[in-house]
Amino acid sequence: MRHDVGTMARMIKRYANRKLYDTHDSHYATLERLAELIRAGEDLKVVENDTGKDITATTMALIIFEEEKRAPRLQIEGLRRVIRSGLPV
């Protein structure tokens, strides 16, 4: 299911036990499942359940990290450039 411009992103809540809960489908989800949703065009927003803090970027970085552990595909030089250029806070 792809979200149109102006619609809300699919809400994913991360609980203190680090479990991810998909509020749209009303069940727990894995990082792998979130990656599948993103590839399918879903717009996700991941928040900490207790604080409401947006952790979408951190969660996406974790997805990339886990996928790289399984099958490295990213070029070292590209990663080096990202780190050297700094990330906006």
PDB file of N, CA and C in Angstrom:
ATOM      1  N   MET A   1       0.843  -1.172   0.000  1.00  0.00           N
ATOM      2  CA  MET A   1       0.000   0.000   0.000  1.00  0.00           C
ATOM      3  C   MET A   1       0.890   1.237   0.000  1.00  0.00           C
ATOM      4  N   ARG A   2       0.790   2.024  -1.007  1.00  0.00           N
ATOM      5  CA  ARG A   2       1.597   3.232  -1.143  1.00  0.00           C
ATOM      6  C   ARG A   2       0.768   4.412  -0.650  1.00  0.00           C
ATOM      7  N   HIS A   3       1.414   5.289   0.126  1.00  0.00           N
ATOM      8  CA  HIS A   3       0.720   6.468   0.631  1.00  0.00           C
ATOM      9  C   HIS A   3       0.849   7.602  -0.369  1.00  0.00           C
ATOM     10  N   ASP A   4      -0.248   8.297  -0.612  1.00  0.00           N
ATOM     11  CA  ASP A   4      -0.234   9.445  -1.501  1.00  0.00           C
ATOM     12  C   ASP A   4       0.291  10.666  -0.757  1.00  0.00           C
ATOM     13  N   VAL A   5       0.716  11.659  -1.540  1.00  0.00           N
ATOM     14  CA  VAL A   5       1.202  12.901  -0.953  1.00  0.00           C
ATOM     15  C   VAL A   5       0.099  13.480  -0.077  1.00  0.00           C
ATOM     16  N   GLY A   6       0.468  13.919   1.104  1.00  0.00           N
ATOM     17  CA  GLY A   6      -0.505  14.512   2.005  1.00  0.00           C
ATOM     18  C   GLY A   6      -1.110  13.530   2.991  1.00  0.00           C
ATOM     19  N   THR A   7      -0.898  12.243   2.789  1.00  0.00           N
ATOM     20  CA  THR A   7      -1.420  11.271   3.742  1.00  0.00           C
ATOM     21  C   THR A   7      -0.351  10.988   4.788  1.00  0.00           C
ATOM     22  N   MET A   8      -0.794  10.461   5.894  1.00  0.00           N
ATOM     23  CA  MET A   8       0.124  10.184   6.981  1.00  0.00           C
ATOM     24  C   MET A   8       0.925   8.920   6.711  1.00  0.00           C
ATOM     25  N   ALA A   9       2.140   8.928   7.228  1.00  0.00           N
ATOM     26  CA  ALA A   9       3.008   7.762   7.101  1.00  0.00           C
ATOM     27  C   ALA A   9       2.497   6.651   8.020  1.00  0.00           C
ATOM     28  N   ARG A  10       2.842   5.438   7.675  1.00  0.00           N
ATOM     29  CA  ARG A  10       2.514   4.290   8.518  1.00  0.00           C
ATOM     30  C   ARG A  10       3.298   4.438   9.824  1.00  0.00           C
ATOM     31  N   MET A  11       2.614   4.373  10.950  1.00  0.00           N
ATOM     32  CA  MET A  11       3.231   4.576  12.254  1.00  0.00           C
ATOM     33  C   MET A  11       3.762   3.256  12.813  1.00  0.00           C
ATOM     34  N   ILE A  12       5.038   3.288  13.171  1.00  0.00           N
ATOM     35  CA  ILE A  12       5.679   2.146  13.819  1.00  0.00           C
ATOM     36  C   ILE A  12       6.142   2.637  15.182  1.00  0.00           C
ATOM     37  N   LYS A  13       5.782   1.913  16.226  1.00  0.00           N
ATOM     38  CA  LYS A  13       6.192   2.286  17.579  1.00  0.00           C
ATOM     39  C   LYS A  13       7.253   1.313  18.074  1.00  0.00           C
ATOM     40  N   ARG A  14       8.307   1.875  18.682  1.00  0.00           N
ATOM     41  CA  ARG A  14       9.330   1.022  19.283  1.00  0.00           C
ATOM     42  C   ARG A  14       9.148   1.075  20.788  1.00  0.00           C
ATOM     43  N   TYR A  15       8.968  -0.101  21.364  1.00  0.00           N
ATOM     44  CA  TYR A  15       8.763  -0.209  22.802  1.00  0.00           C
ATOM     45  C   TYR A  15      10.091  -0.354  23.529  1.00  0.00           C
ATOM     46  N   ALA A  16      10.054  -0.197  24.847  1.00  0.00           N
ATOM     47  CA  ALA A  16      11.266  -0.259  25.677  1.00  0.00           C
ATOM     48  C   ALA A  16      12.010  -1.579  25.494  1.00  0.00           C
ATOM     49  N   ASN A  17      11.283  -2.647  25.197  1.00  0.00           N
ATOM     50  CA  ASN A  17      11.910  -3.957  24.979  1.00  0.00           C
ATOM     51  C   ASN A  17      12.495  -4.079  23.571  1.00  0.00           C
ATOM     52  N   ARG A  18      12.526  -2.959  22.835  1.00  0.00           N
ATOM     53  CA  ARG A  18      13.091  -2.825  21.497  1.00  0.00           C
ATOM     54  C   ARG A  18      12.239  -3.461  20.397  1.00  0.00           C
ATOM     55  N   LYS A  19      11.057  -3.935  20.749  1.00  0.00           N
ATOM     56  CA  LYS A  19      10.162  -4.491  19.734  1.00  0.00           C
ATOM     57  C   LYS A  19       9.508  -3.364  18.956  1.00  0.00           C
ATOM     58  N   LEU A  20       9.305  -3.611  17.672  1.00  0.00           N
ATOM     59  CA  LEU A  20       8.679  -2.650  16.774  1.00  0.00           C
ATOM     60  C   LEU A  20       7.239  -3.079  16.523  1.00  0.00           C
ATOM     61  N   TYR A  21       6.305  -2.158  16.689  1.00  0.00           N
ATOM     62  CA  TYR A  21       4.889  -2.468  16.536  1.00  0.00           C
ATOM     63  C   TYR A  21       4.300  -1.635  15.404  1.00  0.00           C
ATOM     64  N   ASP A  22       3.758  -2.315  14.411  1.00  0.00           N
ATOM     65  CA  ASP A  22       3.131  -1.673  13.262  1.00  0.00           C
ATOM     66  C   ASP A  22       1.680  -1.377  13.635  1.00  0.00           C
ATOM     67  N   THR A  23       1.365  -0.096  13.830  1.00  0.00           N
ATOM     68  CA  THR A  23       0.011   0.260  14.259  1.00  0.00           C
ATOM     69  C   THR A  23      -1.009   0.095  13.136  1.00  0.00           C
ATOM     70  N   HIS A  24      -0.553   0.084  11.890  1.00  0.00           N
ATOM     71  CA  HIS A  24      -1.461  -0.089  10.749  1.00  0.00           C
ATOM     72  C   HIS A  24      -1.968  -1.529  10.684  1.00  0.00           C
ATOM     73  N   ASP A  25      -1.070  -2.497  10.838  1.00  0.00           N
ATOM     74  CA  ASP A  25      -1.449  -3.911  10.761  1.00  0.00           C
ATOM     75  C   ASP A  25      -1.707  -4.530  12.128  1.00  0.00           C
ATOM     76  N   SER A  26      -1.475  -3.775  13.196  1.00  0.00           N
ATOM     77  CA  SER A  26      -1.700  -4.222  14.572  1.00  0.00           C
ATOM     78  C   SER A  26      -0.931  -5.495  14.911  1.00  0.00           C
ATOM     79  N   HIS A  27       0.375  -5.484  14.608  1.00  0.00           N
ATOM     80  CA  HIS A  27       1.225  -6.602  15.018  1.00  0.00           C
ATOM     81  C   HIS A  27       2.681  -6.152  15.056  1.00  0.00           C
ATOM     82  N   TYR A  28       3.497  -6.957  15.715  1.00  0.00           N
ATOM     83  CA  TYR A  28       4.921  -6.644  15.800  1.00  0.00           C
ATOM     84  C   TYR A  28       5.580  -6.873  14.448  1.00  0.00           C
ATOM     85  N   ALA A  29       6.635  -6.102  14.190  1.00  0.00           N
ATOM     86  CA  ALA A  29       7.335  -6.190  12.914  1.00  0.00           C
ATOM     87  C   ALA A  29       8.837  -6.278  13.156  1.00  0.00           C
ATOM     88  N   THR A  30       9.537  -6.842  12.200  1.00  0.00           N
ATOM     89  CA  THR A  30      10.993  -6.932  12.249  1.00  0.00           C
ATOM     90  C   THR A  30      11.592  -5.821  11.378  1.00  0.00           C
ATOM     91  N   LEU A  31      12.895  -5.611  11.519  1.00  0.00           N
ATOM     92  CA  LEU A  31      13.572  -4.672  10.632  1.00  0.00           C
ATOM     93  C   LEU A  31      13.444  -5.133   9.183  1.00  0.00           C
ATOM     94  N   GLU A  32      13.506  -6.431   8.983  1.00  0.00           N
ATOM     95  CA  GLU A  32      13.358  -6.984   7.628  1.00  0.00           C
ATOM     96  C   GLU A  32      11.991  -6.625   7.045  1.00  0.00           C
ATOM     97  N   ARG A  33      10.950  -6.708   7.861  1.00  0.00           N
ATOM     98  CA  ARG A  33       9.603  -6.355   7.400  1.00  0.00           C
ATOM     99  C   ARG A  33       9.521  -4.871   7.058  1.00  0.00           C
ATOM    100  N   LEU A  34      10.146  -4.025   7.890  1.00  0.00           N
ATOM    101  CA  LEU A  34      10.140  -2.593   7.609  1.00  0.00           C
ATOM    102  C   LEU A  34      10.852  -2.309   6.288  1.00  0.00           C
ATOM    103  N   ALA A  35      11.958  -3.018   6.030  1.00  0.00           N
ATOM    104  CA  ALA A  35      12.673  -2.855   4.761  1.00  0.00           C
ATOM    105  C   ALA A  35      11.770  -3.227   3.588  1.00  0.00           C
ATOM    106  N   GLU A  36      11.003  -4.300   3.732  1.00  0.00           N
ATOM    107  CA  GLU A  36      10.076  -4.713   2.676  1.00  0.00           C
ATOM    108  C   GLU A  36       9.033  -3.622   2.417  1.00  0.00           C
ATOM    109  N   LEU A  37       8.511  -3.037   3.488  1.00  0.00           N
ATOM    110  CA  LEU A  37       7.507  -1.982   3.337  1.00  0.00           C
ATOM    111  C   LEU A  37       8.092  -0.769   2.619  1.00  0.00           C
ATOM    112  N   ILE A  38       9.310  -0.391   2.990  1.00  0.00           N
ATOM    113  CA  ILE A  38       9.966   0.752   2.349  1.00  0.00           C
ATOM    114  C   ILE A  38      10.184   0.470   0.869  1.00  0.00           C
ATOM    115  N   ARG A  39      10.652  -0.736   0.542  1.00  0.00           N
ATOM    116  CA  ARG A  39      10.869  -1.103  -0.865  1.00  0.00           C
ATOM    117  C   ARG A  39       9.569  -1.087  -1.660  1.00  0.00           C
ATOM    118  N   ALA A  40       8.453  -1.375  -0.977  1.00  0.00           N
ATOM    119  CA  ALA A  40       7.147  -1.386  -1.632  1.00  0.00           C
ATOM    120  C   ALA A  40       6.571   0.029  -1.771  1.00  0.00           C
ATOM    121  N   GLY A  41       7.311   1.035  -1.287  1.00  0.00           N
ATOM    122  CA  GLY A  41       6.853   2.410  -1.445  1.00  0.00           C
ATOM    123  C   GLY A  41       6.177   3.004  -0.237  1.00  0.00           C
ATOM    124  N   GLU A  42       6.116   2.263   0.853  1.00  0.00           N
ATOM    125  CA  GLU A  42       5.487   2.778   2.075  1.00  0.00           C
ATOM    126  C   GLU A  42       6.322   3.898   2.688  1.00  0.00           C
ATOM    127  N   ASP A  43       5.655   4.874   3.234  1.00  0.00           N
ATOM    128  CA  ASP A  43       6.286   5.945   3.986  1.00  0.00           C
ATOM    129  C   ASP A  43       6.101   5.589   5.454  1.00  0.00           C
ATOM    130  N   LEU A  44       7.209   5.386   6.168  1.00  0.00           N
ATOM    131  CA  LEU A  44       7.142   4.975   7.564  1.00  0.00           C
ATOM    132  C   LEU A  44       7.593   6.091   8.486  1.00  0.00           C
ATOM    133  N   LYS A  45       7.020   6.117   9.669  1.00  0.00           N
ATOM    134  CA  LYS A  45       7.501   6.977  10.745  1.00  0.00           C
ATOM    135  C   LYS A  45       7.640   6.082  11.964  1.00  0.00           C
ATOM    136  N   VAL A  46       8.857   6.041  12.521  1.00  0.00           N
ATOM    137  CA  VAL A  46       9.129   5.201  13.680  1.00  0.00           C
ATOM    138  C   VAL A  46       9.339   6.116  14.877  1.00  0.00           C
ATOM    139  N   VAL A  47       8.591   5.859  15.948  1.00  0.00           N
ATOM    140  CA  VAL A  47       8.699   6.676  17.154  1.00  0.00           C
ATOM    141  C   VAL A  47       8.884   5.791  18.377  1.00  0.00           C
ATOM    142  N   GLU A  48       9.572   6.348  19.386  1.00  0.00           N
ATOM    143  CA  GLU A  48       9.671   5.654  20.660  1.00  0.00           C
ATOM    144  C   GLU A  48       8.309   5.766  21.334  1.00  0.00           C
ATOM    145  N   ASN A  49       7.771   4.663  21.802  1.00  0.00           N
ATOM    146  CA  ASN A  49       6.443   4.663  22.372  1.00  0.00           C
ATOM    147  C   ASN A  49       6.334   5.541  23.609  1.00  0.00           C
ATOM    148  N   ASP A  50       7.334   5.506  24.474  1.00  0.00           N
ATOM    149  CA  ASP A  50       7.219   6.236  25.737  1.00  0.00           C
ATOM    150  C   ASP A  50       7.454   7.738  25.610  1.00  0.00           C
ATOM    151  N   THR A  51       8.282   8.181  24.654  1.00  0.00           N
ATOM    152  CA  THR A  51       8.593   9.606  24.535  1.00  0.00           C
ATOM    153  C   THR A  51       8.000  10.264  23.297  1.00  0.00           C
ATOM    154  N   GLY A  52       7.656   9.476  22.297  1.00  0.00           N
ATOM    155  CA  GLY A  52       7.177  10.018  21.031  1.00  0.00           C
ATOM    156  C   GLY A  52       8.295  10.532  20.136  1.00  0.00           C
ATOM    157  N   LYS A  53       9.549  10.345  20.555  1.00  0.00           N
ATOM    158  CA  LYS A  53      10.697  10.812  19.775  1.00  0.00           C
ATOM    159  C   LYS A  53      10.765  10.086  18.437  1.00  0.00           C
ATOM    160  N   ASP A  54      10.968  10.853  17.376  1.00  0.00           N
ATOM    161  CA  ASP A  54      11.063  10.287  16.035  1.00  0.00           C
ATOM    162  C   ASP A  54      12.433   9.622  15.862  1.00  0.00           C
ATOM    163  N   ILE A  55      12.438   8.324  15.638  1.00  0.00           N
ATOM    164  CA  ILE A  55      13.673   7.559  15.447  1.00  0.00           C
ATOM    165  C   ILE A  55      13.689   6.883  14.081  1.00  0.00           C
ATOM    166  N   THR A  56      13.005   7.492  13.121  1.00  0.00           N
ATOM    167  CA  THR A  56      12.927   6.927  11.777  1.00  0.00           C
ATOM    168  C   THR A  56      14.306   6.791  11.147  1.00  0.00           C
ATOM    169  N   ALA A  57      15.105   7.856  11.200  1.00  0.00           N
ATOM    170  CA  ALA A  57      16.430   7.824  10.565  1.00  0.00           C
ATOM    171  C   ALA A  57      17.316   6.761  11.207  1.00  0.00           C
ATOM    172  N   THR A  58      17.281   6.667  12.529  1.00  0.00           N
ATOM    173  CA  THR A  58      18.079   5.663  13.236  1.00  0.00           C
ATOM    174  C   THR A  58      17.644   4.262  12.838  1.00  0.00           C
ATOM    175  N   THR A  59      16.344   4.051  12.725  1.00  0.00           N
ATOM    176  CA  THR A  59      15.824   2.739  12.347  1.00  0.00           C
ATOM    177  C   THR A  59      16.235   2.386  10.917  1.00  0.00           C
ATOM    178  N   MET A  60      16.188   3.357  10.020  1.00  0.00           N
ATOM    179  CA  MET A  60      16.619   3.104   8.644  1.00  0.00           C
ATOM    180  C   MET A  60      18.112   2.777   8.597  1.00  0.00           C
ATOM    181  N   ALA A  61      18.900   3.463   9.420  1.00  0.00           N
ATOM    182  CA  ALA A  61      20.338   3.161   9.488  1.00  0.00           C
ATOM    183  C   ALA A  61      20.554   1.733   9.990  1.00  0.00           C
ATOM    184  N   LEU A  62      19.740   1.301  10.949  1.00  0.00           N
ATOM    185  CA  LEU A  62      19.837  -0.083  11.444  1.00  0.00           C
ATOM    186  C   LEU A  62      19.491  -1.092  10.357  1.00  0.00           C
ATOM    187  N   ILE A  63      18.488  -0.760   9.547  1.00  0.00           N
ATOM    188  CA  ILE A  63      18.112  -1.646   8.437  1.00  0.00           C
ATOM    189  C   ILE A  63      19.295  -1.795   7.481  1.00  0.00           C
ATOM    190  N   ILE A  64      19.915  -0.670   7.136  1.00  0.00           N
ATOM    191  CA  ILE A  64      21.075  -0.709   6.235  1.00  0.00           C
ATOM    192  C   ILE A  64      22.195  -1.529   6.855  1.00  0.00           C
ATOM    193  N   PHE A  65      22.466  -1.307   8.141  1.00  0.00           N
ATOM    194  CA  PHE A  65      23.523  -2.035   8.848  1.00  0.00           C
ATOM    195  C   PHE A  65      23.275  -3.542   8.808  1.00  0.00           C
ATOM    196  N   GLU A  66      22.058  -3.956   9.129  1.00  0.00           N
ATOM    197  CA  GLU A  66      21.734  -5.392   9.142  1.00  0.00           C
ATOM    198  C   GLU A  66      21.838  -5.999   7.752  1.00  0.00           C
ATOM    199  N   GLU A  67      21.408  -5.271   6.734  1.00  0.00           N
ATOM    200  CA  GLU A  67      21.504  -5.793   5.375  1.00  0.00           C
ATOM    201  C   GLU A  67      22.954  -5.890   4.914  1.00  0.00           C
ATOM    202  N   GLU A  68      23.770  -4.946   5.325  1.00  0.00           N
ATOM    203  CA  GLU A  68      25.195  -4.985   4.978  1.00  0.00           C
ATOM    204  C   GLU A  68      25.896  -6.155   5.661  1.00  0.00           C
ATOM    205  N   LYS A  69      25.482  -6.498   6.875  1.00  0.00           N
ATOM    206  CA  LYS A  69      26.082  -7.650   7.562  1.00  0.00           C
ATOM    207  C   LYS A  69      25.810  -8.932   6.788  1.00  0.00           C
ATOM    208  N   ARG A  70      24.622  -9.046   6.217  1.00  0.00           N
ATOM    209  CA  ARG A  70      24.250 -10.254   5.474  1.00  0.00           C
ATOM    210  C   ARG A  70      24.894 -10.323   4.104  1.00  0.00           C
ATOM    211  N   ALA A  71      24.892  -9.191   3.402  1.00  0.00           N
ATOM    212  CA  ALA A  71      25.410  -9.180   2.032  1.00  0.00           C
ATOM    213  C   ALA A  71      25.926  -7.780   1.708  1.00  0.00           C
ATOM    214  N   PRO A  72      27.212  -7.536   1.942  1.00  0.00           N
ATOM    215  CA  PRO A  72      27.770  -6.202   1.683  1.00  0.00           C
ATOM    216  C   PRO A  72      27.589  -5.779   0.231  1.00  0.00           C
ATOM    217  N   ARG A  73      27.047  -4.573   0.055  1.00  0.00           N
ATOM    218  CA  ARG A  73      26.834  -4.034  -1.283  1.00  0.00           C
ATOM    219  C   ARG A  73      27.275  -2.584  -1.404  1.00  0.00           C
ATOM    220  N   LEU A  74      27.383  -1.893  -0.285  1.00  0.00           N
ATOM    221  CA  LEU A  74      27.726  -0.475  -0.339  1.00  0.00           C
ATOM    222  C   LEU A  74      29.217  -0.291  -0.595  1.00  0.00           C
ATOM    223  N   GLN A  75      29.537   0.716  -1.363  1.00  0.00           N
ATOM    224  CA  GLN A  75      30.923   1.022  -1.672  1.00  0.00           C
ATOM    225  C   GLN A  75      31.564   1.745  -0.494  1.00  0.00           C
ATOM    226  N   ILE A  76      32.738   1.316  -0.112  1.00  0.00           N
ATOM    227  CA  ILE A  76      33.461   1.903   1.017  1.00  0.00           C
ATOM    228  C   ILE A  76      33.687   3.396   0.800  1.00  0.00           C
ATOM    229  N   GLU A  77      34.065   3.782  -0.392  1.00  0.00           N
ATOM    230  CA  GLU A  77      34.346   5.198  -0.651  1.00  0.00           C
ATOM    231  C   GLU A  77      33.101   6.064  -0.452  1.00  0.00           C
ATOM    232  N   GLY A  78      31.949   5.559  -0.847  1.00  0.00           N
ATOM    233  CA  GLY A  78      30.712   6.311  -0.637  1.00  0.00           C
ATOM    234  C   GLY A  78      30.408   6.490   0.838  1.00  0.00           C
ATOM    235  N   LEU A  79      30.596   5.442   1.611  1.00  0.00           N
ATOM    236  CA  LEU A  79      30.384   5.532   3.055  1.00  0.00           C
ATOM    237  C   LEU A  79      31.389   6.495   3.688  1.00  0.00           C
ATOM    238  N   ARG A  80      32.627   6.425   3.216  1.00  0.00           N
ATOM    239  CA  ARG A  80      33.673   7.323   3.730  1.00  0.00           C
ATOM    240  C   ARG A  80      33.284   8.782   3.487  1.00  0.00           C
ATOM    241  N   ARG A  81      32.755   9.075   2.289  1.00  0.00           N
ATOM    242  CA  ARG A  81      32.330  10.456   1.965  1.00  0.00           C
ATOM    243  C   ARG A  81      31.210  10.923   2.887  1.00  0.00           C
ATOM    244  N   VAL A  82      30.252  10.050   3.163  1.00  0.00           N
ATOM    245  CA  VAL A  82      29.152  10.416   4.072  1.00  0.00           C
ATOM    246  C   VAL A  82      29.698  10.759   5.447  1.00  0.00           C
ATOM    247  N   ILE A  83      30.593   9.941   5.959  1.00  0.00           N
ATOM    248  CA  ILE A  83      31.154  10.180   7.286  1.00  0.00           C
ATOM    249  C   ILE A  83      31.992  11.461   7.295  1.00  0.00           C
ATOM    250  N   ARG A  84      32.809  11.647   6.279  1.00  0.00           N
ATOM    251  CA  ARG A  84      33.671  12.833   6.223  1.00  0.00           C
ATOM    252  C   ARG A  84      32.874  14.133   6.080  1.00  0.00           C
ATOM    253  N   SER A  85      31.794  14.086   5.346  1.00  0.00           N
ATOM    254  CA  SER A  85      31.024  15.313   5.128  1.00  0.00           C
ATOM    255  C   SER A  85      30.226  15.701   6.358  1.00  0.00           C
ATOM    256  N   GLY A  86      30.058  14.752   7.258  1.00  0.00           N
ATOM    257  CA  GLY A  86      29.280  15.040   8.452  1.00  0.00           C
ATOM    258  C   GLY A  86      27.803  14.961   8.150  1.00  0.00           C
ATOM    259  N   LEU A  87      27.056  14.662   9.146  1.00  0.00           N
ATOM    260  CA  LEU A  87      25.619  14.562   8.991  1.00  0.00           C
ATOM    261  C   LEU A  87      24.964  15.709   9.730  1.00  0.00           C
ATOM    262  N   PRO A  88      24.007  16.394   9.112  1.00  0.00           N
ATOM    263  CA  PRO A  88      23.346  17.501   9.803  1.00  0.00           C
ATOM    264  C   PRO A  88      22.574  16.993  11.021  1.00  0.00           C
ATOM    265  N   VAL A  89      22.621  17.767  12.055  1.00  0.00           N
ATOM    266  CA  VAL A  89      21.933  17.375  13.302  1.00  0.00           C
ATOM    267  C   VAL A  89      20.599  18.049  13.384  1.00  0.00           C
TER     268      VAL A  89
END
